[in-house]
Amino acid sequence: MDVDVKWKRWTIALPLSVITVMGMVIVYRLQAEDNSETQSPPISQSLPKVTRVTALGRLEPKGEVIQVSTSQRSARVEELLVTEGETVEAGSVIAILDSFPIRKAAVTKAQQEVAVARSRLAKIQAGAQQGTINAQKATIERLKAELTGEKATQTATIERLKAEFRTAKAELERYEFLAAEGAISRSELDQRRLDLETARERYQEAITTRDKTINTLEKQILEAEATLEEITEIRPVDLQEAEAQLQSAIASLEQAKADLELSKITAPRKGQIIEINTDAGEVVSETEGIIQLGNTEKMVAVAEVYESDIRRVKLGQVATLTSESNSFEEELSGKVSQIGLKIGKKDVLSSDPAANVDVRVIEVEIELSPASSQVVKGLTNAQVLVRIDTDD
């Protein structure tokens, strides 16, 4: 019985002892780990220094590519005078529009009108020719001589008819006396009365004819003298009118020339023909114009720098450019020449399908060195990878 009791006591005490020992071991280890963590020095992590800003960009001529077009709606290209890749000077004619022939004819007509107006002004300024003046003077003398002759002739006629009238009157008086004495018949008296009336009418008619003839000749003389004065004197009003007509004709000519120039499309500046958008015979596109022109002698890269990196970019910083698509093999060099003032979305898309196309960027212009510009002068809009040395 005693043995069983002792055995039961051992079976209870032994497990308790084991559990106690294990608990003490666990507590000791936890305390040791806490002490080791509090006593171990902190680990310092040194991050690499960032000295570059990387961005995607595109190549374009300095000053951007411009579209050369016309202000005329529905204009058609009559003749194209340039080829793609050709370099043109500022003011060079690159195309002729279909309105050119009509406007050229208008210029010719306006030039003729100027010549006519100038000739008329010269005639007025010079006055009449001496032959014309002499002829007019002769006309006046002839009219005066004719007037003198008519006066003499008409006066003689009047005097003769006046005498006939007096004779007829005296004859009538004599016949009236004879009729009263009964010496003549009534019919003879009536005839004398008729002769007197006829003589009176002829006399009055001669006076009227004389006055009319003299008045007509005197009027012709006055008109001839006025004409002589007109051709020998330059009137200011005539001179002003001729000058005004000349100026009007010149203004019309200048307008016609200006319209003609609108039919000739010229290069606004020196550059290279990058692309032809309208060929001869085609209507000019309002959106694409006739040609694209750019100064490819000086190329720039427009880099799209992330908004978060723009504070590290400064004017004059050195940049290098490479092509991920192998459009050129060399590493190009340049400097930051302009930093944009507006934040926008990306235009140059990366080849990475996971790239964020809605990221906010600022355009930074990199002006390439002359040697680099020559390498890529024919690669407008080519995509490049830009690395800007920031020296942070």
Protein backbone atom coordinates (compact mmCIF):
# COMPACT_ATOMS: atom_id res chain seq x y z
CA MET A 1 0.00 0.00 0.00
CA ASP A 2 2.82 2.40 0.85
CA VAL A 3 4.58 1.57 -2.31
CA ASP A 4 1.60 2.52 -4.42
CA VAL A 5 1.26 5.85 -2.70
CA LYS A 6 4.92 6.69 -3.22
CA TRP A 7 4.66 5.73 -6.86
CA LYS A 8 1.71 8.04 -7.45
CA ARG A 9 3.57 10.95 -5.82
CA TRP A 10 6.52 10.50 -8.19
CA THR A 11 4.36 10.36 -11.24
CA ILE A 12 2.84 13.73 -10.33
CA ALA A 13 6.05 15.49 -9.20
CA LEU A 14 8.17 14.50 -12.15
CA PRO A 15 6.09 16.14 -14.88
CA LEU A 16 5.76 19.29 -12.82
CA SER A 17 9.50 19.48 -12.47
CA VAL A 18 10.02 19.09 -16.20
CA ILE A 19 7.49 21.80 -16.98
CA THR A 20 9.15 24.16 -14.52
CA VAL A 21 12.58 23.63 -16.01
CA MET A 22 11.34 24.18 -19.57
CA GLY A 23 9.62 27.42 -18.57
CA MET A 24 12.82 28.71 -16.99
CA VAL A 25 14.77 27.89 -20.17
CA ILE A 26 12.27 29.73 -22.36
CA VAL A 27 12.32 32.82 -20.15
CA TYR A 28 16.10 32.86 -20.19
CA ARG A 29 16.28 32.71 -23.99
CA LEU A 30 13.76 35.50 -24.43
CA GLN A 31 15.72 37.71 -22.08
CA ALA A 32 18.93 36.91 -23.95
CA GLU A 33 17.38 37.84 -27.31
CA ASP A 34 16.05 41.12 -25.90
CA ASN A 35 19.46 41.99 -24.53
CA SER A 36 21.18 41.17 -27.81
CA GLU A 37 18.76 43.39 -29.77
CA THR A 38 19.14 46.33 -27.41
CA GLN A 39 22.91 46.04 -27.36
CA SER A 40 23.50 45.52 -31.16
CA PRO A 41 24.48 48.78 -33.03
CA PRO A 42 22.11 50.07 -35.80
CA ILE A 43 22.92 49.08 -39.38
CA SER A 44 23.48 52.10 -41.64
CA GLN A 45 22.27 51.82 -45.27
CA SER A 46 24.02 54.15 -47.82
CA LEU A 47 21.95 54.90 -50.99
CA PRO A 48 23.71 55.60 -54.34
CA LYS A 49 23.88 59.30 -55.36
CA VAL A 50 21.65 60.17 -58.38
CA THR A 51 23.44 62.49 -60.86
CA ARG A 52 21.24 62.16 -63.96
CA VAL A 53 17.70 62.81 -65.09
CA THR A 54 16.51 60.45 -67.80
CA ALA A 55 13.59 61.13 -70.13
CA LEU A 56 12.21 60.17 -73.49
CA GLY A 57 12.20 62.81 -76.21
CA ARG A 58 11.88 63.53 -79.91
CA LEU A 59 14.14 65.22 -82.45
CA GLU A 60 13.03 68.30 -84.37
CA PRO A 61 14.61 71.32 -86.07
CA LYS A 62 15.30 74.33 -83.88
CA GLY A 63 12.28 76.61 -84.01
CA GLU A 64 9.99 73.65 -84.71
CA VAL A 65 8.71 72.36 -88.02
CA ILE A 66 6.33 74.80 -89.69
CA GLN A 67 3.62 74.13 -92.26
CA VAL A 68 3.72 76.43 -95.28
CA SER A 69 0.25 76.98 -96.72
CA THR A 70 -2.00 79.63 -98.28
CA SER A 71 -4.76 81.82 -96.91
CA GLN A 72 -6.89 81.19 -100.01
CA ARG A 73 -9.66 78.64 -99.60
CA SER A 74 -9.92 75.76 -102.09
CA ALA A 75 -6.69 76.86 -103.78
CA ARG A 76 -5.06 74.41 -106.16
CA VAL A 77 -1.32 74.01 -106.70
CA GLU A 78 -0.54 74.81 -110.34
CA GLU A 79 3.19 74.10 -110.11
CA LEU A 80 5.42 72.74 -107.32
CA LEU A 81 8.96 74.10 -107.52
CA VAL A 82 10.73 72.14 -104.73
CA THR A 83 11.53 68.55 -103.84
CA GLU A 84 11.63 66.79 -100.51
CA GLY A 85 14.98 67.24 -98.77
CA GLU A 86 15.83 70.40 -100.73
CA THR A 87 17.18 73.41 -98.82
CA VAL A 88 15.53 76.73 -99.64
CA GLU A 89 16.33 80.32 -98.74
CA ALA A 90 13.88 82.72 -97.10
CA GLY A 91 11.61 84.22 -99.75
CA SER A 92 12.20 81.45 -102.30
CA VAL A 93 9.11 80.53 -104.33
CA ILE A 94 8.10 76.96 -103.54
CA ALA A 95 4.75 76.71 -105.34
CA ILE A 96 2.49 78.52 -107.83
CA LEU A 97 -1.30 78.47 -107.34
CA ASP A 98 -3.91 78.14 -110.09
CA SER A 99 -4.96 81.78 -109.64
CA PHE A 100 -1.58 82.99 -110.92
CA PRO A 101 -2.44 83.40 -114.67
CA ILE A 102 -5.58 85.45 -114.02
CA ARG A 103 -3.84 87.70 -111.52
CA LYS A 104 -0.86 88.14 -113.82
CA ALA A 105 -3.23 89.36 -116.55
CA ALA A 106 -4.76 91.79 -114.04
CA VAL A 107 -1.29 93.19 -113.36
CA THR A 108 -0.68 93.69 -117.09
CA LYS A 109 -3.98 95.54 -117.48
CA ALA A 110 -3.26 97.72 -114.47
CA GLN A 111 0.17 98.59 -115.90
CA GLN A 112 -1.47 99.72 -119.14
CA GLU A 113 -3.94 101.90 -117.24
CA VAL A 114 -1.06 103.54 -115.40
CA ALA A 115 0.65 104.26 -118.72
CA VAL A 116 -2.52 105.89 -120.12
CA ALA A 117 -3.02 108.02 -117.00
CA ARG A 118 0.63 109.10 -117.00
CA SER A 119 0.42 110.07 -120.69
CA ARG A 120 -2.70 112.16 -120.10
CA LEU A 121 -1.02 113.97 -117.22
CA ALA A 122 2.03 114.68 -119.38
CA LYS A 123 -0.16 116.18 -122.11
CA ILE A 124 -1.89 118.47 -119.64
CA GLN A 125 1.42 119.54 -118.13
CA ALA A 126 2.89 120.27 -121.57
CA GLY A 127 -0.17 122.14 -122.84
CA ALA A 128 -1.40 122.20 -126.47
CA GLN A 129 1.00 121.90 -129.40
CA GLN A 130 1.93 125.11 -131.22
CA GLY A 131 0.31 123.88 -134.43
CA THR A 132 -3.00 123.46 -132.63
CA ILE A 133 -2.71 126.94 -131.13
CA ASN A 134 -1.94 128.52 -134.53
CA ALA A 135 -4.85 126.71 -136.14
CA GLN A 136 -7.19 127.98 -133.47
CA LYS A 137 -5.95 131.54 -133.92
CA ALA A 138 -6.54 131.24 -137.67
CA THR A 139 -10.08 130.09 -137.01
CA ILE A 140 -10.72 133.17 -134.90
CA GLU A 141 -9.35 135.49 -137.59
CA ARG A 142 -11.45 133.79 -140.25
CA LEU A 143 -14.60 134.21 -138.16
CA LYS A 144 -13.82 137.87 -137.52
CA ALA A 145 -13.27 138.51 -141.23
CA GLU A 146 -16.48 136.73 -142.04
CA LEU A 147 -18.29 138.84 -139.46
CA THR A 148 -16.93 142.05 -141.03
CA GLY A 149 -17.93 140.90 -144.51
CA GLU A 150 -21.40 139.87 -143.40
CA LYS A 151 -21.93 143.17 -141.70
CA ALA A 152 -21.06 145.06 -144.90
CA THR A 153 -23.12 142.81 -147.13
CA GLN A 154 -26.13 142.78 -144.90
CA THR A 155 -25.96 146.56 -144.40
CA ALA A 156 -25.91 147.13 -148.17
CA THR A 157 -28.85 144.81 -148.64
CA ILE A 158 -30.81 146.57 -145.93
CA GLU A 159 -30.09 149.97 -147.42
CA ARG A 160 -31.22 148.81 -150.86
CA LEU A 161 -34.43 147.30 -149.51
CA LYS A 162 -35.00 150.40 -147.42
CA ALA A 163 -34.81 152.52 -150.59
CA GLU A 164 -37.20 150.18 -152.38
CA PHE A 165 -39.57 150.49 -149.46
CA ARG A 166 -39.48 154.29 -149.62
CA THR A 167 -40.06 154.19 -153.38
CA ALA A 168 -43.04 151.89 -152.96
CA LYS A 169 -44.47 154.16 -150.28
CA ALA A 170 -44.13 157.25 -152.45
CA GLU A 171 -45.66 155.40 -155.40
CA LEU A 172 -48.62 154.38 -153.27
CA GLU A 173 -49.19 157.95 -152.16
CA ARG A 174 -49.17 159.14 -155.77
CA TYR A 175 -51.62 156.44 -156.85
CA GLU A 176 -53.94 157.27 -153.95
CA PHE A 177 -54.09 160.89 -155.24
CA LEU A 178 -54.79 159.72 -158.78
CA ALA A 179 -57.45 157.33 -157.52
CA ALA A 180 -59.13 160.19 -155.67
CA GLU A 181 -59.21 162.16 -158.97
CA GLY A 182 -60.59 159.12 -160.76
CA ALA A 183 -57.59 158.90 -163.04
CA ILE A 184 -56.76 155.24 -162.23
CA SER A 185 -58.69 152.15 -161.48
CA ARG A 186 -59.15 150.57 -158.09
CA SER A 187 -57.06 147.55 -159.05
CA GLU A 188 -54.02 149.65 -159.87
CA LEU A 189 -54.24 151.27 -156.43
CA ASP A 190 -54.44 147.87 -154.76
CA GLN A 191 -51.34 146.72 -156.66
CA ARG A 192 -49.36 149.66 -155.35
CA ARG A 193 -50.48 148.89 -151.84
CA LEU A 194 -49.31 145.28 -152.32
CA ASP A 195 -45.95 146.47 -153.65
CA LEU A 196 -45.48 148.63 -150.52
CA GLU A 197 -46.30 145.76 -148.18
CA THR A 198 -43.90 143.47 -150.00
CA ALA A 199 -41.13 146.08 -149.82
CA ARG A 200 -41.74 146.52 -146.09
CA GLU A 201 -41.53 142.75 -145.40
CA ARG A 202 -38.33 142.36 -147.39
CA TYR A 203 -36.79 145.26 -145.53
CA GLN A 204 -37.74 143.82 -142.11
CA GLU A 205 -36.55 140.35 -143.15
CA ALA A 206 -33.15 141.75 -144.19
CA ILE A 207 -32.75 143.41 -140.77
CA THR A 208 -33.61 140.13 -138.99
CA THR A 209 -31.20 138.14 -141.17
CA ARG A 210 -28.43 140.65 -140.51
CA ASP A 211 -28.92 140.50 -136.73
CA LYS A 212 -29.06 136.69 -136.72
CA THR A 213 -25.96 136.31 -138.87
CA ILE A 214 -23.97 138.80 -136.79
CA ASN A 215 -25.04 137.18 -133.51
CA THR A 216 -24.08 133.72 -134.78
CA LEU A 217 -20.65 134.83 -135.93
CA GLU A 218 -19.98 136.76 -132.74
CA LYS A 219 -20.90 133.66 -130.68
CA GLN A 220 -18.58 131.47 -132.78
CA ILE A 221 -15.79 133.98 -132.25
CA LEU A 222 -16.30 133.89 -128.46
CA GLU A 223 -16.27 130.09 -128.44
CA ALA A 224 -13.12 129.98 -130.56
CA GLU A 225 -11.38 132.46 -128.26
CA ALA A 226 -12.41 130.37 -125.23
CA THR A 227 -10.99 127.26 -126.86
CA LEU A 228 -7.75 129.09 -127.59
CA GLU A 229 -7.51 130.15 -123.96
CA GLU A 230 -8.21 126.60 -122.80
CA ILE A 231 -5.54 124.99 -124.94
CA THR A 232 -2.93 127.61 -124.12
CA GLU A 233 -3.56 127.62 -120.36
CA ILE A 234 -3.04 124.70 -117.92
CA ARG A 235 -5.94 124.79 -115.52
CA PRO A 236 -5.15 123.62 -111.96
CA VAL A 237 -8.36 121.62 -111.80
CA ASP A 238 -7.41 119.67 -114.93
CA LEU A 239 -3.95 119.04 -113.55
CA GLN A 240 -5.33 117.83 -110.20
CA GLU A 241 -7.81 115.55 -111.92
CA ALA A 242 -5.11 114.00 -114.10
CA GLU A 243 -2.81 113.50 -111.10
CA ALA A 244 -5.62 111.88 -109.10
CA GLN A 245 -6.38 109.51 -111.96
CA LEU A 246 -2.71 108.56 -112.16
CA GLN A 247 -2.51 107.88 -108.42
CA SER A 248 -5.67 105.77 -108.60
CA ALA A 249 -4.21 103.74 -111.47
CA ILE A 250 -0.96 103.23 -109.52
CA ALA A 251 -2.91 102.06 -106.45
CA SER A 252 -4.83 99.59 -108.59
CA LEU A 253 -1.53 98.30 -109.98
CA GLU A 254 -0.08 97.81 -106.49
CA GLN A 255 -3.22 95.93 -105.45
CA ALA A 256 -2.97 93.71 -108.51
CA LYS A 257 0.70 93.00 -107.73
CA ALA A 258 -0.17 92.15 -104.11
CA ASP A 259 -2.87 89.75 -105.30
CA LEU A 260 -0.37 88.18 -107.70
CA GLU A 261 2.10 87.63 -104.84
CA LEU A 262 -0.61 85.71 -102.99
CA SER A 263 -0.58 83.23 -105.88
CA LYS A 264 3.12 82.56 -105.21
CA ILE A 265 3.89 80.55 -102.06
CA THR A 266 7.28 81.49 -100.62
CA ALA A 267 9.42 80.08 -97.84
CA PRO A 268 9.06 82.22 -94.70
CA ARG A 269 12.62 81.37 -93.63
CA LYS A 270 15.63 79.34 -94.60
CA GLY A 271 15.23 75.61 -94.07
CA GLN A 272 14.92 72.13 -95.49
CA ILE A 273 11.79 70.70 -97.12
CA ILE A 274 10.98 67.92 -94.67
CA GLU A 275 7.73 66.72 -96.24
CA ILE A 276 5.52 67.59 -99.24
CA ASN A 277 1.83 67.42 -98.40
CA THR A 278 0.32 68.81 -101.64
CA ASP A 279 1.52 67.95 -105.14
CA ALA A 280 0.84 69.84 -108.38
CA GLY A 281 -2.81 69.62 -109.38
CA GLU A 282 -4.07 68.97 -105.84
CA VAL A 283 -6.18 71.25 -103.65
CA VAL A 284 -4.21 72.62 -100.70
CA SER A 285 -5.17 70.89 -97.46
CA GLU A 286 -6.29 73.34 -94.77
CA THR A 287 -4.79 71.13 -92.04
CA GLU A 288 -1.53 69.93 -93.62
CA GLY A 289 -0.61 72.83 -95.93
CA ILE A 290 1.69 72.45 -98.92
CA ILE A 291 5.04 71.56 -97.34
CA GLN A 292 6.70 71.17 -93.94
CA LEU A 293 9.81 73.29 -93.46
CA GLY A 294 12.43 73.15 -90.74
CA ASN A 295 15.94 74.45 -89.99
CA THR A 296 17.64 71.06 -89.85
CA GLU A 297 21.09 72.66 -89.67
CA LYS A 298 20.31 73.21 -85.98
CA MET A 299 18.54 70.26 -84.38
CA VAL A 300 17.11 70.04 -80.88
CA ALA A 301 15.69 67.27 -78.74
CA VAL A 302 12.47 67.92 -76.84
CA ALA A 303 12.71 65.81 -73.69
CA GLU A 304 9.62 65.07 -71.59
CA VAL A 305 10.93 65.30 -68.03
CA TYR A 306 8.80 64.02 -65.17
CA GLU A 307 7.26 66.67 -62.98
CA SER A 308 9.07 65.20 -59.97
CA ASP A 309 12.49 65.60 -61.67
CA ILE A 310 12.14 69.06 -63.22
CA ARG A 311 13.53 70.89 -60.16
CA ARG A 312 16.90 69.24 -60.80
CA VAL A 313 17.13 70.44 -64.42
CA LYS A 314 18.92 73.75 -65.08
CA LEU A 315 19.83 75.73 -68.20
CA GLY A 316 23.26 74.89 -69.60
CA GLN A 317 23.41 71.35 -68.20
CA VAL A 318 25.09 68.79 -70.47
CA ALA A 319 22.91 66.07 -71.97
CA THR A 320 23.58 62.93 -73.99
CA LEU A 321 21.17 61.30 -76.40
CA THR A 322 20.91 57.74 -77.69
CA SER A 323 18.47 55.88 -79.89
CA GLU A 324 16.72 52.81 -78.55
CA SER A 325 15.47 51.99 -82.07
CA ASN A 326 18.96 52.34 -83.64
CA SER A 327 17.89 55.19 -85.93
CA PHE A 328 21.45 56.42 -85.29
CA GLU A 329 24.40 54.70 -83.66
CA GLU A 330 26.40 57.59 -82.21
CA GLU A 331 25.87 59.08 -78.78
CA LEU A 332 24.78 62.66 -79.36
CA SER A 333 25.64 65.60 -77.13
CA GLY A 334 23.95 68.87 -76.33
CA LYS A 335 22.98 71.32 -73.62
CA VAL A 336 19.72 72.33 -71.96
CA SER A 337 18.63 75.50 -73.80
CA GLN A 338 15.04 75.93 -72.67
CA ILE A 339 12.79 74.66 -69.88
CA GLY A 340 9.04 74.65 -70.46
CA LEU A 341 6.63 76.58 -68.28
CA LYS A 342 3.64 74.27 -68.64
CA ILE A 343 2.95 70.78 -67.31
CA GLY A 344 1.23 68.37 -69.67
CA LYS A 345 0.85 64.74 -70.62
CA LYS A 346 3.40 62.65 -72.46
CA ASP A 347 3.53 62.81 -76.24
CA VAL A 348 6.46 60.43 -76.72
CA LEU A 349 5.34 56.91 -75.83
CA SER A 350 7.74 54.36 -74.41
CA SER A 351 8.13 50.86 -75.81
CA ASP A 352 7.44 49.53 -72.30
CA PRO A 353 3.80 48.31 -72.28
CA ALA A 354 3.62 48.89 -68.53
CA ALA A 355 4.63 52.55 -68.80
CA ASN A 356 2.21 55.15 -67.48
CA VAL A 357 1.03 57.23 -70.44
CA ASP A 358 -0.85 59.72 -68.25
CA VAL A 359 2.20 60.80 -66.26
CA ARG A 360 2.68 64.60 -65.99
CA VAL A 361 5.77 65.97 -67.74
CA ILE A 362 7.44 69.25 -68.69
CA GLU A 363 9.14 69.72 -72.06
CA VAL A 364 12.85 70.55 -71.89
CA GLU A 365 14.70 71.58 -75.05
CA ILE A 366 18.19 70.22 -75.63
CA GLU A 367 20.17 72.08 -78.30
CA LEU A 368 22.48 69.63 -80.04
CA SER A 369 26.07 70.38 -80.91
CA PRO A 370 26.79 71.18 -84.58
CA ALA A 371 28.35 67.76 -85.12
CA SER A 372 25.37 65.97 -83.55
CA SER A 373 22.94 68.08 -85.58
CA GLN A 374 24.57 66.91 -88.81
CA VAL A 375 24.13 63.29 -87.75
CA VAL A 376 20.36 63.52 -87.22
CA LYS A 377 19.36 66.37 -89.62
CA GLY A 378 17.25 63.88 -91.55
CA LEU A 379 15.58 62.27 -88.53
CA THR A 380 12.88 64.76 -87.53
CA ASN A 381 10.46 63.26 -84.95
CA ALA A 382 12.80 60.34 -84.21
CA GLN A 383 12.46 59.08 -80.61
CA VAL A 384 15.52 59.45 -78.38
CA LEU A 385 16.53 58.66 -74.84
CA VAL A 386 17.86 61.77 -73.09
CA ARG A 387 20.18 61.76 -70.08
CA ILE A 388 20.77 65.10 -68.44
CA ASP A 389 23.79 65.43 -66.08
CA THR A 390 22.47 67.26 -63.02
CA ASP A 391 25.59 67.05 -60.76
CA ASP A 392 23.36 66.76 -57.66
